[in-house]
């Protein structure tokens, strides 16, 4: 991964935009820092929303991993108003926080981070299934590489197809356009393939700029240094933002294909379509993300282009419905 062109400017942007995030650094893992010990090896944080069956399957897979990993599991339910929270209650070892409002992905995960007391923290989607001993293998790989602050295994769909969101780069306008059109698989230029990291085979480990929020395994000390999720991102792009901040802080973001984790995707969609608030976030998340990470005229122009395209697609999704469904279900046409 190439370093920022202007490290001083990036440092300023990070310190300015992450002031509220650092509040989580001060409180998260506070007891452990004071005492010098952690209660667990791993804290797993799952944010759920209207995904009863998927959450139950996810927790069953975690149960199969508990013999080999000393872990605590927090489920933060975002006011599902169905039986999703009840699914979490079926597992007595799960610590449930049932919110009476939809906090969004970032804020809900930060609640879990605030409660963590472990050497590592795993942000996990409820629509994932981890194989037995999969967490043990991922943790061993993390501990084996002291410079790695954030790790993702290989994510695959239920049919075994590779989910390319688990290894990503910065979403430049060119690379995103090529990703959606499929041109990134025809042209081998790194500029074209930057978002998809097409030069890194899916069966080969390596450093990347970003991983998917479906599975983010982080060293607790690195997360404490970097800060939690930026809550200006209700959902979508928050995982890329956090991944990039690990890189800015000098930690390696690492893709490791030693374990296959099933990621179904779009687990909280209703009848194949995103809920309205999530739909707005999907099409409006890129402009503030670009402005945060690409200050200056070039970033402003790129953010403006993303805004225009996003508003057009949001309008189309509301009035025609096609984009709201197809973009939500197609694995290529997803940024989350």
C-alpha atoms as a PDB file:
ATOM      1  CA  UNK A   1       0.000   0.000   0.000  1.00  0.00           C
ATOM      2  CA  UNK A   2       1.466   3.352  -0.998  1.00  0.00           C
ATOM      3  CA  UNK A   3       1.790   5.958   1.781  1.00  0.00           C
ATOM      4  CA  UNK A   4      -0.324   9.142   1.713  1.00  0.00           C
ATOM      5  CA  UNK A   5       1.089  11.792  -0.596  1.00  0.00           C
ATOM      6  CA  UNK A   6       1.062  14.327   2.201  1.00  0.00           C
ATOM      7  CA  UNK A   7       1.494  12.571   5.575  1.00  0.00           C
ATOM      8  CA  UNK A   8       1.236  15.826   7.543  1.00  0.00           C
ATOM      9  CA  UNK A   9      -2.074  16.735   5.911  1.00  0.00           C
ATOM     10  CA  UNK A  10      -3.445  13.238   6.490  1.00  0.00           C
ATOM     11  CA  UNK A  11      -2.371  13.434  10.114  1.00  0.00           C
ATOM     12  CA  UNK A  12      -4.222  16.745  10.496  1.00  0.00           C
ATOM     13  CA  UNK A  13      -7.381  15.391   8.843  1.00  0.00           C
ATOM     14  CA  UNK A  14      -7.335  12.320  11.047  1.00  0.00           C
ATOM     15  CA  UNK A  15      -6.850  14.244  14.263  1.00  0.00           C
ATOM     16  CA  UNK A  16      -9.535  16.769  13.307  1.00  0.00           C
ATOM     17  CA  UNK A  17     -12.196  14.320  12.141  1.00  0.00           C
ATOM     18  CA  UNK A  18     -11.573  11.723  14.833  1.00  0.00           C
ATOM     19  CA  UNK A  19     -11.880  13.909  17.924  1.00  0.00           C
ATOM     20  CA  UNK A  20     -15.123  12.243  18.944  1.00  0.00           C
ATOM     21  CA  UNK A  21     -13.703   8.848  18.001  1.00  0.00           C
ATOM     22  CA  UNK A  22     -10.882   9.309  20.435  1.00  0.00           C
ATOM     23  CA  UNK A  23     -13.395   9.464  23.222  1.00  0.00           C
ATOM     24  CA  UNK A  24     -13.849   5.770  22.565  1.00  0.00           C
ATOM     25  CA  UNK A  25     -10.090   5.234  22.732  1.00  0.00           C
ATOM     26  CA  UNK A  26     -10.087   6.792  26.187  1.00  0.00           C
ATOM     27  CA  UNK A  27     -12.843   4.566  27.535  1.00  0.00           C
ATOM     28  CA  UNK A  28     -12.584   1.425  25.452  1.00  0.00           C
ATOM     29  CA  UNK A  29     -10.350  -1.122  27.102  1.00  0.00           C
ATOM     30  CA  UNK A  30      -9.918   1.341  29.977  1.00  0.00           C
ATOM     31  CA  UNK A  31      -9.991  -1.276  32.700  1.00  0.00           C
ATOM     32  CA  UNK A  32      -7.546  -3.461  30.847  1.00  0.00           C
ATOM     33  CA  UNK A  33      -5.090  -0.598  30.329  1.00  0.00           C
ATOM     34  CA  UNK A  34      -5.220   0.332  33.996  1.00  0.00           C
ATOM     35  CA  UNK A  35      -4.808  -3.224  35.227  1.00  0.00           C
ATOM     36  CA  UNK A  36      -2.426  -4.372  32.503  1.00  0.00           C
ATOM     37  CA  UNK A  37      -4.476  -7.524  31.865  1.00  0.00           C
ATOM     38  CA  UNK A  38      -7.440  -8.543  29.725  1.00  0.00           C
ATOM     39  CA  UNK A  39     -10.297 -10.770  30.802  1.00  0.00           C
ATOM     40  CA  UNK A  40     -10.569 -12.551  27.445  1.00  0.00           C
ATOM     41  CA  UNK A  41      -8.568 -13.262  24.333  1.00  0.00           C
ATOM     42  CA  UNK A  42     -11.362 -12.078  22.036  1.00  0.00           C
ATOM     43  CA  UNK A  43     -14.456  -9.877  22.092  1.00  0.00           C
ATOM     44  CA  UNK A  44     -16.938 -10.514  19.278  1.00  0.00           C
ATOM     45  CA  UNK A  45     -19.338  -7.655  18.465  1.00  0.00           C
ATOM     46  CA  UNK A  46     -22.399  -8.294  16.295  1.00  0.00           C
ATOM     47  CA  UNK A  47     -24.846  -5.571  15.293  1.00  0.00           C
ATOM     48  CA  UNK A  48     -28.192  -7.067  14.339  1.00  0.00           C
ATOM     49  CA  UNK A  49     -31.270  -5.731  12.567  1.00  0.00           C
ATOM     50  CA  UNK A  50     -34.193  -7.908  11.513  1.00  0.00           C
ATOM     51  CA  UNK A  51     -32.126 -11.020  10.870  1.00  0.00           C
ATOM     52  CA  UNK A  52     -33.445 -13.594  13.348  1.00  0.00           C
ATOM     53  CA  UNK A  53     -32.542 -16.752  11.439  1.00  0.00           C
ATOM     54  CA  UNK A  54     -29.190 -15.479  10.215  1.00  0.00           C
ATOM     55  CA  UNK A  55     -28.180 -14.315  13.687  1.00  0.00           C
ATOM     56  CA  UNK A  56     -29.088 -17.690  15.163  1.00  0.00           C
ATOM     57  CA  UNK A  57     -26.923 -19.490  12.588  1.00  0.00           C
ATOM     58  CA  UNK A  58     -24.051 -17.073  13.221  1.00  0.00           C
ATOM     59  CA  UNK A  59     -24.204 -17.609  16.980  1.00  0.00           C
ATOM     60  CA  UNK A  60     -24.307 -21.382  16.517  1.00  0.00           C
ATOM     61  CA  UNK A  61     -21.090 -21.154  14.508  1.00  0.00           C
ATOM     62  CA  UNK A  62     -19.527 -19.066  17.272  1.00  0.00           C
ATOM     63  CA  UNK A  63     -20.616 -21.651  19.825  1.00  0.00           C
ATOM     64  CA  UNK A  64     -18.628 -24.248  17.899  1.00  0.00           C
ATOM     65  CA  UNK A  65     -15.548 -22.001  18.233  1.00  0.00           C
ATOM     66  CA  UNK A  66     -15.835 -21.392  21.978  1.00  0.00           C
ATOM     67  CA  UNK A  67     -13.876 -24.517  22.919  1.00  0.00           C
ATOM     68  CA  UNK A  68     -10.711 -23.227  21.280  1.00  0.00           C
ATOM     69  CA  UNK A  69     -11.087 -19.467  21.956  1.00  0.00           C
ATOM     70  CA  UNK A  70     -11.742 -17.663  25.237  1.00  0.00           C
ATOM     71  CA  UNK A  71     -14.245 -15.086  24.029  1.00  0.00           C
ATOM     72  CA  UNK A  72     -17.057 -12.797  25.077  1.00  0.00           C
ATOM     73  CA  UNK A  73     -19.831 -12.090  22.597  1.00  0.00           C
ATOM     74  CA  UNK A  74     -21.871  -8.876  22.476  1.00  0.00           C
ATOM     75  CA  UNK A  75     -24.965  -8.525  20.306  1.00  0.00           C
ATOM     76  CA  UNK A  76     -26.285  -4.995  19.870  1.00  0.00           C
ATOM     77  CA  UNK A  77     -29.748  -5.136  18.340  1.00  0.00           C
ATOM     78  CA  UNK A  78     -30.787  -1.999  16.475  1.00  0.00           C
ATOM     79  CA  UNK A  79     -34.482  -1.967  17.404  1.00  0.00           C
ATOM     80  CA  UNK A  80     -35.411  -4.843  15.095  1.00  0.00           C
ATOM     81  CA  UNK A  81     -38.999  -4.946  16.377  1.00  0.00           C
ATOM     82  CA  UNK A  82     -39.215  -8.647  15.595  1.00  0.00           C
ATOM     83  CA  UNK A  83     -37.727 -11.788  17.166  1.00  0.00           C
ATOM     84  CA  UNK A  84     -34.086 -11.028  16.361  1.00  0.00           C
ATOM     85  CA  UNK A  85     -33.221 -10.081  19.949  1.00  0.00           C
ATOM     86  CA  UNK A  86     -34.982 -13.239  21.143  1.00  0.00           C
ATOM     87  CA  UNK A  87     -32.636 -15.285  18.957  1.00  0.00           C
ATOM     88  CA  UNK A  88     -29.692 -13.805  20.868  1.00  0.00           C
ATOM     89  CA  UNK A  89     -31.364 -14.627  24.188  1.00  0.00           C
ATOM     90  CA  UNK A  90     -31.362 -18.316  23.224  1.00  0.00           C
ATOM     91  CA  UNK A  91     -27.617 -18.340  23.898  1.00  0.00           C
ATOM     92  CA  UNK A  92     -26.943 -17.678  27.609  1.00  0.00           C
ATOM     93  CA  UNK A  93     -23.297 -16.763  26.988  1.00  0.00           C
ATOM     94  CA  UNK A  94     -24.275 -13.851  24.724  1.00  0.00           C
ATOM     95  CA  UNK A  95     -24.442 -10.348  26.213  1.00  0.00           C
ATOM     96  CA  UNK A  96     -27.376  -8.601  24.558  1.00  0.00           C
ATOM     97  CA  UNK A  97     -27.903  -4.854  24.297  1.00  0.00           C
ATOM     98  CA  UNK A  98     -31.381  -4.191  22.896  1.00  0.00           C
ATOM     99  CA  UNK A  99     -31.527  -0.610  21.672  1.00  0.00           C
ATOM    100  CA  UNK A 100     -34.887   1.148  21.435  1.00  0.00           C
ATOM    101  CA  UNK A 101     -33.736   2.997  18.318  1.00  0.00           C
ATOM    102  CA  UNK A 102     -31.761   2.154  15.187  1.00  0.00           C
ATOM    103  CA  UNK A 103     -28.323   3.529  16.008  1.00  0.00           C
ATOM    104  CA  UNK A 104     -26.731   2.556  12.726  1.00  0.00           C
ATOM    105  CA  UNK A 105     -23.776   0.238  12.202  1.00  0.00           C
ATOM    106  CA  UNK A 106     -21.015   2.562  13.421  1.00  0.00           C
ATOM    107  CA  UNK A 107     -22.592   3.811  16.645  1.00  0.00           C
ATOM    108  CA  UNK A 108     -23.873   0.380  17.650  1.00  0.00           C
ATOM    109  CA  UNK A 109     -20.455  -1.183  17.133  1.00  0.00           C
ATOM    110  CA  UNK A 110     -18.874   1.568  19.192  1.00  0.00           C
ATOM    111  CA  UNK A 111     -21.163   0.581  22.080  1.00  0.00           C
ATOM    112  CA  UNK A 112     -19.738  -2.911  21.874  1.00  0.00           C
ATOM    113  CA  UNK A 113     -16.166  -1.639  21.610  1.00  0.00           C
ATOM    114  CA  UNK A 114     -16.740   0.398  24.743  1.00  0.00           C
ATOM    115  CA  UNK A 115     -17.566  -2.804  26.652  1.00  0.00           C
ATOM    116  CA  UNK A 116     -14.706  -4.911  25.279  1.00  0.00           C
ATOM    117  CA  UNK A 117     -12.037  -6.288  27.584  1.00  0.00           C
ATOM    118  CA  UNK A 118      -9.848  -8.526  25.468  1.00  0.00           C
ATOM    119  CA  UNK A 119      -6.624  -8.761  23.487  1.00  0.00           C
ATOM    120  CA  UNK A 120      -8.494  -8.690  20.190  1.00  0.00           C
ATOM    121  CA  UNK A 121     -11.834  -7.384  18.947  1.00  0.00           C
ATOM    122  CA  UNK A 122     -13.854  -8.914  16.123  1.00  0.00           C
ATOM    123  CA  UNK A 123     -16.529  -6.925  14.303  1.00  0.00           C
ATOM    124  CA  UNK A 124     -18.763  -9.601  12.811  1.00  0.00           C
ATOM    125  CA  UNK A 125     -21.874  -9.424  10.646  1.00  0.00           C
ATOM    126  CA  UNK A 126     -24.847 -11.560  11.706  1.00  0.00           C
ATOM    127  CA  UNK A 127     -25.081 -13.014   8.187  1.00  0.00           C
ATOM    128  CA  UNK A 128     -21.771 -14.858   8.542  1.00  0.00           C
ATOM    129  CA  UNK A 129     -20.940 -18.449   9.459  1.00  0.00           C
ATOM    130  CA  UNK A 130     -17.483 -19.287  10.829  1.00  0.00           C
ATOM    131  CA  UNK A 131     -16.147 -22.854  10.489  1.00  0.00           C
ATOM    132  CA  UNK A 132     -15.089 -24.756  13.649  1.00  0.00           C
ATOM    133  CA  UNK A 133     -11.658 -23.560  14.854  1.00  0.00           C
ATOM    134  CA  UNK A 134     -11.805 -20.765  12.280  1.00  0.00           C
ATOM    135  CA  UNK A 135     -11.396 -18.088  14.943  1.00  0.00           C
ATOM    136  CA  UNK A 136      -8.481 -19.936  16.513  1.00  0.00           C
ATOM    137  CA  UNK A 137      -6.655 -20.014  13.188  1.00  0.00           C
ATOM    138  CA  UNK A 138      -7.345 -16.316  12.506  1.00  0.00           C
ATOM    139  CA  UNK A 139      -6.114 -15.312  15.963  1.00  0.00           C
ATOM    140  CA  UNK A 140      -2.941 -17.379  15.614  1.00  0.00           C
ATOM    141  CA  UNK A 141      -2.212 -15.617  12.325  1.00  0.00           C
ATOM    142  CA  UNK A 142      -2.836 -12.229  13.955  1.00  0.00           C
ATOM    143  CA  UNK A 143      -0.534 -12.971  16.899  1.00  0.00           C
ATOM    144  CA  UNK A 144       2.114 -14.304  14.514  1.00  0.00           C
ATOM    145  CA  UNK A 145       2.410 -10.925  12.762  1.00  0.00           C
ATOM    146  CA  UNK A 146       3.016  -8.169  15.345  1.00  0.00           C
ATOM    147  CA  UNK A 147       2.711  -5.393  12.759  1.00  0.00           C
ATOM    148  CA  UNK A 148      -0.772  -6.453  11.671  1.00  0.00           C
ATOM    149  CA  UNK A 149      -3.483  -4.423  13.363  1.00  0.00           C
ATOM    150  CA  UNK A 150      -6.465  -5.556  11.281  1.00  0.00           C
ATOM    151  CA  UNK A 151      -7.024  -8.918   9.588  1.00  0.00           C
ATOM    152  CA  UNK A 152      -9.708 -10.433   7.380  1.00  0.00           C
ATOM    153  CA  UNK A 153      -9.991 -14.056   6.260  1.00  0.00           C
ATOM    154  CA  UNK A 154     -11.388 -15.081   2.891  1.00  0.00           C
ATOM    155  CA  UNK A 155     -15.111 -14.361   2.646  1.00  0.00           C
ATOM    156  CA  UNK A 156     -17.210 -16.559   0.381  1.00  0.00           C
ATOM    157  CA  UNK A 157     -20.875 -16.775  -0.499  1.00  0.00           C
ATOM    158  CA  UNK A 158     -23.058 -19.766   0.408  1.00  0.00           C
ATOM    159  CA  UNK A 159     -22.144 -21.242  -2.996  1.00  0.00           C
ATOM    160  CA  UNK A 160     -18.415 -20.871  -2.298  1.00  0.00           C
ATOM    161  CA  UNK A 161     -17.923 -17.912  -4.649  1.00  0.00           C
ATOM    162  CA  UNK A 162     -15.315 -15.379  -3.559  1.00  0.00           C
ATOM    163  CA  UNK A 163     -16.624 -12.167  -1.973  1.00  0.00           C
ATOM    164  CA  UNK A 164     -14.209  -9.574  -3.310  1.00  0.00           C
ATOM    165  CA  UNK A 165     -15.101  -6.999  -0.651  1.00  0.00           C
ATOM    166  CA  UNK A 166     -12.806  -8.737   1.869  1.00  0.00           C
ATOM    167  CA  UNK A 167      -9.744  -7.238   0.131  1.00  0.00           C
ATOM    168  CA  UNK A 168     -10.086  -3.717  -1.189  1.00  0.00           C
ATOM    169  CA  UNK A 169      -8.220  -0.543  -1.914  1.00  0.00           C
ATOM    170  CA  UNK A 170      -9.154   3.117  -1.930  1.00  0.00           C
ATOM    171  CA  UNK A 171     -12.299   3.713  -4.042  1.00  0.00           C
ATOM    172  CA  UNK A 172     -10.967   6.105  -6.652  1.00  0.00           C
ATOM    173  CA  UNK A 173     -13.518   7.208  -9.234  1.00  0.00           C
ATOM    174  CA  UNK A 174     -11.767   5.230 -11.984  1.00  0.00           C
ATOM    175  CA  UNK A 175     -11.358   2.024 -10.007  1.00  0.00           C
ATOM    176  CA  UNK A 176     -14.965   2.077  -8.760  1.00  0.00           C
ATOM    177  CA  UNK A 177     -16.268   2.568 -12.309  1.00  0.00           C
ATOM    178  CA  UNK A 178     -14.127  -0.325 -13.511  1.00  0.00           C
ATOM    179  CA  UNK A 179     -15.230  -2.479 -10.579  1.00  0.00           C
ATOM    180  CA  UNK A 180     -18.937  -2.037 -11.338  1.00  0.00           C
ATOM    181  CA  UNK A 181     -18.440  -2.497 -15.088  1.00  0.00           C
ATOM    182  CA  UNK A 182     -16.122  -5.502 -14.778  1.00  0.00           C
ATOM    183  CA  UNK A 183     -13.300  -3.743 -16.610  1.00  0.00           C
ATOM    184  CA  UNK A 184     -11.007  -4.289 -13.627  1.00  0.00           C
ATOM    185  CA  UNK A 185     -10.865  -7.968 -14.587  1.00  0.00           C
ATOM    186  CA  UNK A 186      -9.888  -7.204 -18.173  1.00  0.00           C
ATOM    187  CA  UNK A 187      -7.302  -4.466 -17.651  1.00  0.00           C
ATOM    188  CA  UNK A 188      -4.442  -5.227 -15.262  1.00  0.00           C
ATOM    189  CA  UNK A 189      -3.422  -1.660 -14.489  1.00  0.00           C
ATOM    190  CA  UNK A 190      -3.106  -0.951 -10.777  1.00  0.00           C
ATOM    191  CA  UNK A 191      -5.020   2.287 -11.255  1.00  0.00           C
ATOM    192  CA  UNK A 192      -7.892   0.307 -12.746  1.00  0.00           C
ATOM    193  CA  UNK A 193      -7.679  -2.442 -10.122  1.00  0.00           C
ATOM    194  CA  UNK A 194      -7.005  -0.325  -7.060  1.00  0.00           C
ATOM    195  CA  UNK A 195     -10.415  -0.823  -5.439  1.00  0.00           C
ATOM    196  CA  UNK A 196     -10.617  -4.556  -6.208  1.00  0.00           C
ATOM    197  CA  UNK A 197      -6.881  -5.177  -5.481  1.00  0.00           C
ATOM    198  CA  UNK A 198      -6.997  -7.372  -8.572  1.00  0.00           C
ATOM    199  CA  UNK A 199      -3.256  -8.024  -8.530  1.00  0.00           C
ATOM    200  CA  UNK A 200      -3.542 -10.022  -5.284  1.00  0.00           C
ATOM    201  CA  UNK A 201      -4.971 -13.524  -5.920  1.00  0.00           C
ATOM    202  CA  UNK A 202      -7.757 -14.525  -3.556  1.00  0.00           C
ATOM    203  CA  UNK A 203      -5.712 -17.554  -2.428  1.00  0.00           C
ATOM    204  CA  UNK A 204      -2.688 -15.453  -1.505  1.00  0.00           C
ATOM    205  CA  UNK A 205      -2.288 -13.355   1.640  1.00  0.00           C
ATOM    206  CA  UNK A 206      -1.061  -9.800   1.515  1.00  0.00           C
ATOM    207  CA  UNK A 207      -1.356  -6.206   2.664  1.00  0.00           C
ATOM    208  CA  UNK A 208      -4.438  -4.307   1.493  1.00  0.00           C
ATOM    209  CA  UNK A 209      -5.909  -0.875   2.198  1.00  0.00           C
ATOM    210  CA  UNK A 210      -9.325  -2.040   3.357  1.00  0.00           C
ATOM    211  CA  UNK A 211     -11.359  -5.080   4.342  1.00  0.00           C
ATOM    212  CA  UNK A 212     -15.076  -5.751   4.734  1.00  0.00           C
ATOM    213  CA  UNK A 213     -17.019  -4.822   7.853  1.00  0.00           C
ATOM    214  CA  UNK A 214     -18.480  -8.331   7.762  1.00  0.00           C
ATOM    215  CA  UNK A 215     -15.318  -9.597   9.500  1.00  0.00           C
ATOM    216  CA  UNK A 216     -12.755  -7.214  11.000  1.00  0.00           C
ATOM    217  CA  UNK A 217     -10.361  -8.850  13.473  1.00  0.00           C
ATOM    218  CA  UNK A 218      -8.332  -6.174  15.283  1.00  0.00           C
ATOM    219  CA  UNK A 219      -5.676  -5.995  17.961  1.00  0.00           C
ATOM    220  CA  UNK A 220      -7.194  -4.209  20.933  1.00  0.00           C
ATOM    221  CA  UNK A 221      -4.184  -1.954  21.427  1.00  0.00           C
ATOM    222  CA  UNK A 222      -4.238  -0.961  17.751  1.00  0.00           C
ATOM    223  CA  UNK A 223      -7.977  -0.243  17.869  1.00  0.00           C
ATOM    224  CA  UNK A 224      -7.510   1.793  21.032  1.00  0.00           C
ATOM    225  CA  UNK A 225      -4.857   3.855  19.267  1.00  0.00           C
ATOM    226  CA  UNK A 226      -6.864   4.369  16.076  1.00  0.00           C
ATOM    227  CA  UNK A 227     -10.275   4.930  17.679  1.00  0.00           C
ATOM    228  CA  UNK A 228     -13.662   3.388  16.923  1.00  0.00           C
ATOM    229  CA  UNK A 229     -15.952   3.797  13.934  1.00  0.00           C
ATOM    230  CA  UNK A 230     -16.702   7.286  12.655  1.00  0.00           C
ATOM    231  CA  UNK A 231     -20.376   7.799  13.487  1.00  0.00           C
ATOM    232  CA  UNK A 232     -20.978  10.252  10.649  1.00  0.00           C
ATOM    233  CA  UNK A 233     -21.271   7.071   8.554  1.00  0.00           C
ATOM    234  CA  UNK A 234     -24.599   5.478   9.509  1.00  0.00           C
ATOM    235  CA  UNK A 235     -23.543   2.429   7.521  1.00  0.00           C
ATOM    236  CA  UNK A 236     -21.495   1.737   4.368  1.00  0.00           C
ATOM    237  CA  UNK A 237     -17.940   3.128   4.018  1.00  0.00           C
ATOM    238  CA  UNK A 238     -17.410   2.987   7.791  1.00  0.00           C
ATOM    239  CA  UNK A 239     -15.324  -0.173   7.339  1.00  0.00           C
ATOM    240  CA  UNK A 240     -13.167   1.440   4.641  1.00  0.00           C
ATOM    241  CA  UNK A 241     -12.728   4.523   6.809  1.00  0.00           C
ATOM    242  CA  UNK A 242     -11.570   2.507   9.815  1.00  0.00           C
ATOM    243  CA  UNK A 243      -9.297   0.328   7.671  1.00  0.00           C
ATOM    244  CA  UNK A 244      -7.603   3.370   6.154  1.00  0.00           C
ATOM    245  CA  UNK A 245      -7.060   4.884   9.590  1.00  0.00           C
ATOM    246  CA  UNK A 246      -5.238   1.715  10.671  1.00  0.00           C
ATOM    247  CA  UNK A 247      -2.904   2.217   7.711  1.00  0.00           C
ATOM    248  CA  UNK A 248      -2.385   5.903   8.476  1.00  0.00           C
ATOM    249  CA  UNK A 249      -1.410   4.971  12.035  1.00  0.00           C
ATOM    250  CA  UNK A 250       1.274   2.594  10.755  1.00  0.00           C
ATOM    251  CA  UNK A 251      -0.580  -0.702  11.257  1.00  0.00           C
ATOM    252  CA  UNK A 252      -0.798  -3.299   8.484  1.00  0.00           C
ATOM    253  CA  UNK A 253      -4.241  -4.220   7.169  1.00  0.00           C
ATOM    254  CA  UNK A 254      -3.934  -7.842   6.112  1.00  0.00           C
ATOM    255  CA  UNK A 255      -5.964 -10.187   3.930  1.00  0.00           C
ATOM    256  CA  UNK A 256      -5.402 -13.828   4.902  1.00  0.00           C
ATOM    257  CA  UNK A 257      -7.075 -16.692   2.953  1.00  0.00           C
ATOM    258  CA  UNK A 258      -6.303 -19.352   5.569  1.00  0.00           C
ATOM    259  CA  UNK A 259      -9.963 -19.643   6.610  1.00  0.00           C
ATOM    260  CA  UNK A 260     -13.138 -19.413   4.542  1.00  0.00           C
ATOM    261  CA  UNK A 261     -15.970 -17.558   6.309  1.00  0.00           C
ATOM    262  CA  UNK A 262     -19.407 -17.654   4.692  1.00  0.00           C
ATOM    263  CA  UNK A 263     -20.901 -14.185   4.166  1.00  0.00           C
ATOM    264  CA  UNK A 264     -24.437 -14.220   2.827  1.00  0.00           C
ATOM    265  CA  UNK A 265     -24.715 -10.450   2.330  1.00  0.00           C
ATOM    266  CA  UNK A 266     -27.701  -8.090   2.542  1.00  0.00           C
ATOM    267  CA  UNK A 267     -28.931 -10.005   5.572  1.00  0.00           C
ATOM    268  CA  UNK A 268     -31.182  -7.187   6.789  1.00  0.00           C
ATOM    269  CA  UNK A 269     -32.826  -6.411   3.464  1.00  0.00           C
ATOM    270  CA  UNK A 270     -36.600  -6.635   3.334  1.00  0.00           C
ATOM    271  CA  UNK A 271     -38.014  -8.558   0.361  1.00  0.00           C
ATOM    272  CA  UNK A 272     -34.667  -8.168  -1.386  1.00  0.00           C
ATOM    273  CA  UNK A 273     -34.564  -4.399  -0.875  1.00  0.00           C
ATOM    274  CA  UNK A 274     -32.715  -2.165   1.550  1.00  0.00           C
ATOM    275  CA  UNK A 275     -34.743  -0.358   4.247  1.00  0.00           C
ATOM    276  CA  UNK A 276     -35.145   3.348   3.416  1.00  0.00           C
ATOM    277  CA  UNK A 277     -32.583   4.659   5.904  1.00  0.00           C
ATOM    278  CA  UNK A 278     -30.002   2.139   4.722  1.00  0.00           C
ATOM    279  CA  UNK A 279     -30.855   2.967   1.109  1.00  0.00           C
ATOM    280  CA  UNK A 280     -30.136   6.652   1.718  1.00  0.00           C
ATOM    281  CA  UNK A 281     -26.854   5.797   3.421  1.00  0.00           C
ATOM    282  CA  UNK A 282     -25.861   3.521   0.542  1.00  0.00           C
ATOM    283  CA  UNK A 283     -26.096   6.265  -2.077  1.00  0.00           C
ATOM    284  CA  UNK A 284     -24.958   9.199   0.097  1.00  0.00           C
ATOM    285  CA  UNK A 285     -21.991   7.790   2.002  1.00  0.00           C
ATOM    286  CA  UNK A 286     -19.239   8.346  -0.570  1.00  0.00           C
ATOM    287  CA  UNK A 287     -19.096  12.196  -0.722  1.00  0.00           C
ATOM    288  CA  UNK A 288     -18.292  12.663   2.997  1.00  0.00           C
ATOM    289  CA  UNK A 289     -15.927   9.687   2.855  1.00  0.00           C
ATOM    290  CA  UNK A 290     -14.018  11.190  -0.085  1.00  0.00           C
ATOM    291  CA  UNK A 291     -13.903  14.652   1.533  1.00  0.00           C
ATOM    292  CA  UNK A 292     -12.479  13.155   4.709  1.00  0.00           C
ATOM    293  CA  UNK A 293      -9.733  11.131   3.035  1.00  0.00           C
ATOM    294  CA  UNK A 294      -8.982  13.296   0.005  1.00  0.00           C
ATOM    295  CA  UNK A 295      -8.861  16.933   1.157  1.00  0.00           C
ATOM    296  CA  UNK A 296      -8.156  19.534  -1.501  1.00  0.00           C
ATOM    297  CA  UNK A 297      -9.546  20.449  -4.902  1.00  0.00           C
ATOM    298  CA  UNK A 298      -9.238  16.981  -6.418  1.00  0.00           C
ATOM    299  CA  UNK A 299     -11.134  15.463  -3.507  1.00  0.00           C
ATOM    300  CA  UNK A 300     -13.801  18.166  -3.723  1.00  0.00           C
ATOM    301  CA  UNK A 301     -14.359  17.505  -7.434  1.00  0.00           C
ATOM    302  CA  UNK A 302     -14.471  13.739  -6.874  1.00  0.00           C
ATOM    303  CA  UNK A 303     -16.906  14.119  -3.956  1.00  0.00           C
ATOM    304  CA  UNK A 304     -19.138  16.352  -6.072  1.00  0.00           C
ATOM    305  CA  UNK A 305     -19.208  13.743  -8.843  1.00  0.00           C
ATOM    306  CA  UNK A 306     -20.082  11.027  -6.332  1.00  0.00           C
ATOM    307  CA  UNK A 307     -22.834  13.237  -4.903  1.00  0.00           C
ATOM    308  CA  UNK A 308     -24.457  13.861  -8.294  1.00  0.00           C
ATOM    309  CA  UNK A 309     -24.363  10.184  -9.244  1.00  0.00           C
ATOM    310  CA  UNK A 310     -25.568   9.121  -5.801  1.00  0.00           C
ATOM    311  CA  UNK A 311     -28.565  11.456  -5.843  1.00  0.00           C
ATOM    312  CA  UNK A 312     -29.579  10.291  -9.322  1.00  0.00           C
ATOM    313  CA  UNK A 313     -29.333   6.629  -8.273  1.00  0.00           C
ATOM    314  CA  UNK A 314     -31.172   7.316  -5.012  1.00  0.00           C
ATOM    315  CA  UNK A 315     -34.010   8.983  -6.947  1.00  0.00           C
ATOM    316  CA  UNK A 316     -34.140   6.027  -9.337  1.00  0.00           C
ATOM    317  CA  UNK A 317     -34.172   3.515  -6.483  1.00  0.00           C
ATOM    318  CA  UNK A 318     -37.099   5.289  -4.815  1.00  0.00           C
ATOM    319  CA  UNK A 319     -39.208   5.726  -7.919  1.00  0.00           C
ATOM    320  CA  UNK A 320     -38.363   2.635  -9.923  1.00  0.00           C
ATOM    321  CA  UNK A 321     -37.145   0.208  -7.264  1.00  0.00           C
ATOM    322  CA  UNK A 322     -34.736  -1.614  -9.566  1.00  0.00           C
ATOM    323  CA  UNK A 323     -31.525  -0.179  -8.129  1.00  0.00           C
ATOM    324  CA  UNK A 324     -32.794  -0.667  -4.622  1.00  0.00           C
ATOM    325  CA  UNK A 325     -33.098  -4.386  -5.255  1.00  0.00           C
ATOM    326  CA  UNK A 326     -30.444  -5.317  -7.799  1.00  0.00           C
ATOM    327  CA  UNK A 327     -27.686  -3.191  -6.306  1.00  0.00           C
ATOM    328  CA  UNK A 328     -28.532  -4.605  -2.904  1.00  0.00           C
ATOM    329  CA  UNK A 329     -28.286  -8.220  -3.950  1.00  0.00           C
ATOM    330  CA  UNK A 330     -25.555  -8.315  -6.569  1.00  0.00           C
ATOM    331  CA  UNK A 331     -22.166  -9.049  -5.052  1.00  0.00           C
ATOM    332  CA  UNK A 332     -20.303  -6.945  -7.587  1.00  0.00           C
ATOM    333  CA  UNK A 333     -22.524  -3.898  -7.182  1.00  0.00           C
ATOM    334  CA  UNK A 334     -21.960  -3.415  -3.468  1.00  0.00           C
ATOM    335  CA  UNK A 335     -19.618  -1.185  -1.484  1.00  0.00           C
ATOM    336  CA  UNK A 336     -20.581  -2.549   1.935  1.00  0.00           C
END
